[in-house]
Protein backbone atom coordinates (compact mmCIF):
# COMPACT_ATOMS: atom_id res chain seq x y z
CA UNK A 1 10.09 -11.81 14.28
CA UNK A 2 12.53 -9.98 11.89
CA UNK A 3 10.41 -10.83 8.97
CA UNK A 4 7.22 -9.10 10.59
CA UNK A 5 9.46 -6.08 11.38
CA UNK A 6 10.67 -5.68 8.08
CA UNK A 7 7.26 -6.23 6.42
CA UNK A 8 5.75 -3.36 8.96
CA UNK A 9 8.80 -0.97 8.46
CA UNK A 10 8.01 -1.00 4.65
CA UNK A 11 4.28 -0.02 4.80
CA UNK A 12 5.08 3.74 4.78
CA UNK A 13 7.11 3.29 1.76
CA UNK A 14 4.37 1.23 0.07
CA UNK A 15 1.88 4.09 0.76
CA UNK A 16 3.89 6.81 -0.50
CA UNK A 17 4.76 4.60 -3.85
CA UNK A 18 1.12 3.88 -4.42
CA UNK A 19 0.07 7.61 -4.35
CA UNK A 20 3.13 8.60 -6.59
CA UNK A 21 2.18 6.01 -8.89
CA UNK A 22 -1.38 6.98 -9.07
CA UNK A 23 -0.71 10.59 -9.50
CA UNK A 24 1.93 10.04 -12.14
CA UNK A 25 -0.26 7.61 -14.03
CA UNK A 26 -3.09 10.09 -13.87
CA UNK A 27 -0.78 13.04 -14.90
CA UNK A 28 0.56 10.98 -18.01
CA UNK A 29 -2.93 9.95 -18.81
CA UNK A 30 -4.18 13.69 -18.79
CA UNK A 31 -1.39 14.69 -20.97
CA UNK A 32 -2.21 12.08 -23.37
CA UNK A 33 -5.89 12.60 -23.57
CA UNK A 34 -6.06 16.34 -22.84
CA UNK A 35 -8.43 15.83 -19.80
CA UNK A 36 -6.53 17.75 -17.14
CA UNK A 37 -7.05 17.29 -14.26
CA UNK A 38 -9.85 14.84 -14.28
CA UNK A 39 -7.71 11.73 -14.63
CA UNK A 40 -5.16 12.97 -12.24
CA UNK A 41 -7.45 13.20 -9.67
CA UNK A 42 -9.25 9.80 -10.32
CA UNK A 43 -6.00 8.15 -10.50
CA UNK A 44 -4.55 9.92 -7.13
CA UNK A 45 -7.66 8.67 -5.44
CA UNK A 46 -6.95 5.22 -6.62
CA UNK A 47 -3.55 5.47 -5.30
CA UNK A 48 -4.67 6.50 -1.85
CA UNK A 49 -7.17 3.87 -1.88
CA UNK A 50 -4.37 1.35 -2.82
CA UNK A 51 -2.06 2.86 0.03
CA UNK A 52 -4.85 2.44 2.72
CA UNK A 53 -5.60 -1.18 1.56
CA UNK A 54 -1.77 -1.82 2.00
CA UNK A 55 -2.10 -0.23 5.63
CA UNK A 56 -5.30 -2.49 6.31
CA UNK A 57 -3.34 -5.64 5.22
CA UNK A 58 -0.44 -4.83 7.41
CA UNK A 59 -2.52 -4.10 10.41
CA UNK A 60 -4.33 -7.47 10.05
CA UNK A 61 -1.05 -9.08 9.70
CA UNK A 62 0.36 -7.41 12.84
CA UNK A 63 -2.90 -8.48 14.75
CA UNK A 64 -2.18 -11.81 13.70
CA UNK A 65 1.45 -11.55 14.94
CA UNK A 66 0.32 -10.01 18.15
CA UNK A 67 -2.12 -12.92 18.86
CA UNK A 68 0.60 -15.49 18.38
CA UNK A 69 -0.72 -16.99 15.20
CA UNK A 70 2.35 -15.96 13.01
CA UNK A 71 3.49 -18.55 10.67
CA UNK A 72 6.96 -18.74 11.84
CA UNK A 73 5.61 -19.85 15.24
CA UNK A 74 3.56 -22.50 13.81
CA UNK A 75 6.40 -24.07 11.87
CA UNK A 76 8.74 -24.04 15.12
CA UNK A 77 6.09 -26.13 17.08
């Protein structure tokens, strides 16, 4: 149970980090190739997509836990 709680509490942090990395990488690439703001926007969108992917995976895992199909429960049987 604690493992699942820690995993779900980290989702917000994962989302923030994914967006920040996408923006930072795009900003750096724009400076390197003088393409402002195109790569910043593109990488920011990829970061947002990665954040939503993380949220989707956590929701799927939460559904498994709620349905009682958690790996820990299987091991304890």
